[in-house]
Amino acid sequence: SVATHKVAWRSASWVSSSAGLPDFPIRALVLSELNLLAGSIGCVHLSTNFGGSWTPSTAGLVNGPVSAFATIGNDLYAGKSSGAIVHSTDRGASWTEVYSAWALADLVSLVASGSTLYAGLNIQSRGKIFTSRDSGVTWSEIDSGFPTSSLRCLAVNGAWLNGVCGDRFGPLPDARHHCRVG
C-alpha cells in the first residue's frame, strides 16, 4: 500500500496520510498555497487539508505518470514521465497540456526560477536540460558541458542551476554539476 506521510512543524513523528491515494508510487509532491499535490501514474491527487485526505485532479490530464512539479507564482506546472508539460491556473483543479514534443524522453525533474522553467530529461540514457521563458510553450536545450550519464534531478538556488547525474540504479550519483542561470 502506498502512503504519504506528514509531520507537524517541529514534531518528531510522522503520520500516515493515504486516504484517497491510489496504490501506485508517488513520484512528485508540491505545495501550492494551501494545496498539496501528489503526482502518480495517470493523475494528480490533490489535498486541501495538508495531506489528511486526497482526491483525483485529472481534468485535462492525458494518461501517463506525473513525475515532477514546478510553480511560478500561482501557476502550477506538471512534468509527465512521457515528456509532456501540463499547466494549471486554478491550483491543480484542471490542467492544460502546453508542450508534448519530448515523446521519447523520460522527464525526471522540473524546477522554476523567477518566470523561467527548467526541465531535466533522460533521452536515450543521456541527461538533457531545457529551459522555457514563455510558460512552457517553447523550450531550448542548455546542457552544453553536461555529462553524458543520465540525469537524476535538478534544483535551482538563486543564480545557480544544479544537476545530479549518474547511473540511476547506483547507490550514489557519480557527479554533481551546476551552471549559472538568469
Protein backbone atom coordinates (compact mmCIF):
# COMPACT_ATOMS: atom_id res chain seq x y z
CA SER A 1 0.00 0.00 0.00
CA VAL A 2 1.25 3.46 -0.92
CA ALA A 3 1.11 6.27 1.61
CA THR A 4 2.40 9.74 2.04
CA HIS A 5 3.46 10.79 5.47
CA LYS A 6 3.17 14.16 7.09
CA VAL A 7 4.82 15.69 10.07
CA ALA A 8 3.70 18.65 12.15
CA TRP A 9 6.10 21.60 12.33
CA ARG A 10 8.79 20.83 14.91
CA SER A 11 7.34 17.36 15.53
CA ALA A 12 9.48 14.26 15.72
CA SER A 13 6.93 11.77 14.42
CA TRP A 14 5.40 11.11 11.00
CA VAL A 15 1.74 10.20 10.45
CA SER A 16 0.46 8.10 7.53
CA SER A 17 -1.70 10.13 5.19
CA SER A 18 -3.00 7.95 2.36
CA ALA A 19 -6.82 8.27 2.42
CA GLY A 20 -7.84 8.55 -1.24
CA LEU A 21 -4.42 7.89 -2.78
CA PRO A 22 -4.10 5.12 -5.38
CA ASP A 23 -1.91 2.10 -4.79
CA PHE A 24 0.78 3.49 -7.14
CA PRO A 25 4.12 5.09 -6.32
CA ILE A 26 4.05 8.83 -5.70
CA ARG A 27 6.74 10.36 -7.91
CA ALA A 28 6.36 14.07 -7.07
CA LEU A 29 4.95 16.42 -4.42
CA VAL A 30 4.35 20.17 -4.48
CA LEU A 31 2.74 22.67 -2.12
CA SER A 32 0.80 25.45 -3.83
CA GLU A 33 -0.65 27.93 -1.38
CA LEU A 34 -2.57 25.59 0.96
CA ASN A 35 -2.99 22.77 -1.57
CA LEU A 36 -0.70 19.75 -1.61
CA LEU A 37 -0.46 17.83 -4.88
CA ALA A 38 0.95 14.33 -5.43
CA GLY A 39 1.91 13.04 -8.87
CA SER A 40 1.43 9.35 -9.59
CA ILE A 41 0.65 7.05 -12.50
CA GLY A 42 -2.10 8.56 -14.59
CA CYS A 43 -3.10 11.51 -12.47
CA VAL A 44 -2.50 14.13 -9.85
CA HIS A 45 -4.06 13.83 -6.42
CA LEU A 46 -5.00 16.97 -4.52
CA SER A 47 -5.23 17.54 -0.77
CA THR A 48 -6.79 20.70 0.63
CA ASN A 49 -6.24 19.65 4.27
CA PHE A 50 -2.46 19.23 4.45
CA GLY A 51 -2.49 15.59 3.33
CA GLY A 52 -5.37 14.42 5.55
CA SER A 53 -7.31 13.19 2.51
CA TRP A 54 -6.79 13.15 -1.25
CA THR A 55 -8.99 13.47 -4.36
CA PRO A 56 -8.04 12.92 -8.02
CA SER A 57 -7.35 16.04 -10.07
CA THR A 58 -7.47 14.65 -13.60
CA ALA A 59 -9.39 17.29 -15.62
CA GLY A 60 -7.33 17.84 -18.77
CA LEU A 61 -4.66 15.25 -17.97
CA VAL A 62 -3.81 12.62 -20.55
CA ASN A 63 -2.80 9.22 -19.16
CA GLY A 64 0.79 8.88 -18.03
CA PRO A 65 2.73 9.25 -14.80
CA VAL A 66 3.30 12.73 -13.37
CA SER A 67 6.95 12.81 -12.35
CA ALA A 68 7.68 16.44 -11.41
CA PHE A 69 6.09 19.74 -10.40
CA ALA A 70 7.14 23.39 -10.51
CA THR A 71 5.40 26.61 -9.52
CA ILE A 72 5.65 30.13 -10.89
CA GLY A 73 3.53 32.45 -8.80
CA ASN A 74 0.06 30.90 -8.63
CA ASP A 75 0.64 28.78 -11.75
CA LEU A 76 1.43 25.09 -11.42
CA TYR A 77 3.34 23.02 -13.96
CA ALA A 78 3.49 19.24 -14.01
CA GLY A 79 6.03 17.25 -15.97
CA LYS A 80 4.95 13.84 -17.12
CA SER A 81 7.40 10.99 -17.49
CA SER A 82 6.22 10.79 -21.12
CA GLY A 83 7.90 14.17 -21.69
CA ALA A 84 4.75 16.34 -21.75
CA ILE A 85 4.29 19.52 -19.70
CA VAL A 86 0.84 20.45 -18.37
CA HIS A 87 -0.21 23.73 -16.75
CA SER A 88 -2.81 24.66 -14.14
CA THR A 89 -4.02 28.16 -13.27
CA ASP A 90 -6.57 27.00 -10.66
CA ARG A 91 -4.30 25.35 -8.05
CA GLY A 92 -4.43 21.92 -9.69
CA ALA A 93 -8.19 21.54 -10.23
CA SER A 94 -7.75 21.37 -14.04
CA TRP A 95 -4.81 21.01 -16.42
CA THR A 96 -3.93 22.04 -19.98
CA GLU A 97 -1.12 20.47 -22.00
CA VAL A 98 1.33 23.16 -23.11
CA TYR A 99 4.16 21.04 -24.56
CA SER A 100 4.49 17.47 -25.80
CA ALA A 101 7.44 17.27 -28.22
CA TRP A 102 9.59 15.07 -25.95
CA ALA A 103 7.72 11.85 -26.78
CA LEU A 104 10.74 9.52 -26.37
CA ALA A 105 12.08 11.18 -23.23
CA ASP A 106 11.80 10.43 -19.53
CA LEU A 107 11.12 13.73 -17.75
CA VAL A 108 12.66 13.43 -14.28
CA SER A 109 12.78 16.98 -12.95
CA LEU A 110 11.02 20.33 -13.36
CA VAL A 111 12.08 23.47 -11.45
CA ALA A 112 11.45 27.21 -11.72
CA SER A 113 13.45 30.33 -11.02
CA GLY A 114 11.54 33.57 -11.35
CA SER A 115 9.47 33.16 -14.52
CA THR A 116 11.82 30.59 -16.10
CA LEU A 117 11.15 26.84 -16.14
CA TYR A 118 13.91 24.21 -16.33
CA ALA A 119 13.20 20.61 -17.36
CA GLY A 120 15.56 17.70 -16.82
CA LEU A 121 15.07 14.73 -19.12
CA ASN A 122 16.76 11.50 -20.00
CA ILE A 123 16.80 10.89 -23.73
CA GLN A 124 18.34 7.57 -24.71
CA SER A 125 20.02 7.36 -21.27
CA ARG A 126 21.66 10.78 -21.60
CA GLY A 127 20.75 13.71 -19.35
CA LYS A 128 19.41 16.78 -21.15
CA ILE A 129 18.38 20.14 -19.68
CA PHE A 130 15.94 22.53 -21.35
CA THR A 131 14.67 25.99 -20.42
CA SER A 132 11.44 27.86 -21.17
CA ARG A 133 10.80 31.56 -20.66
CA ASP A 134 7.23 31.52 -22.03
CA SER A 135 5.25 29.37 -19.57
CA GLY A 136 6.38 26.08 -21.08
CA VAL A 137 5.23 26.71 -24.66
CA THR A 138 8.71 26.62 -26.23
CA TRP A 139 11.94 25.08 -24.92
CA SER A 140 15.66 25.46 -25.66
CA GLU A 141 18.40 22.97 -24.78
CA ILE A 142 21.00 24.37 -22.36
CA ASP A 143 23.02 21.33 -21.33
CA SER A 144 26.32 22.18 -23.03
CA GLY A 145 29.06 20.56 -20.97
CA PHE A 146 26.68 18.35 -19.01
CA PRO A 147 27.95 14.76 -18.55
CA THR A 148 26.68 12.01 -20.82
CA SER A 149 25.20 9.96 -17.98
CA SER A 150 21.53 10.02 -17.04
CA LEU A 151 20.05 12.88 -15.02
CA ARG A 152 18.54 12.29 -11.59
CA CYS A 153 17.29 15.71 -10.50
CA LEU A 154 17.60 19.48 -10.85
CA ALA A 155 17.48 22.22 -8.23
CA VAL A 156 17.79 25.95 -8.56
CA ASN A 157 19.31 28.15 -5.89
CA GLY A 158 19.45 31.83 -6.72
CA ALA A 159 21.59 32.21 -9.83
CA TRP A 160 22.70 28.55 -9.94
CA LEU A 161 21.03 25.58 -11.61
CA ASN A 162 22.28 22.34 -10.07
CA GLY A 163 22.01 18.88 -11.59
CA VAL A 164 22.79 15.45 -10.22
CA CYS A 165 23.53 12.74 -12.73
CA GLY A 166 24.69 9.15 -12.72
CA ASP A 167 23.62 5.55 -13.05
CA ARG A 168 20.03 5.65 -11.84
CA PHE A 169 20.44 2.22 -10.25
CA GLY A 170 23.67 3.02 -8.43
CA PRO A 171 23.74 3.83 -4.73
CA LEU A 172 25.03 7.39 -5.20
CA PRO A 173 25.14 9.81 -8.09
CA ASP A 174 28.50 9.82 -9.86
CA ALA A 175 28.61 13.58 -10.37
CA ARG A 176 27.10 16.88 -9.32
CA HIS A 177 27.14 19.76 -11.79
CA HIS A 178 25.99 23.35 -11.76
CA CYS A 179 25.81 26.34 -14.07
CA ARG A 180 24.91 29.99 -13.68
CA VAL A 181 21.40 30.88 -14.89
CA GLY A 182 19.49 34.08 -15.40
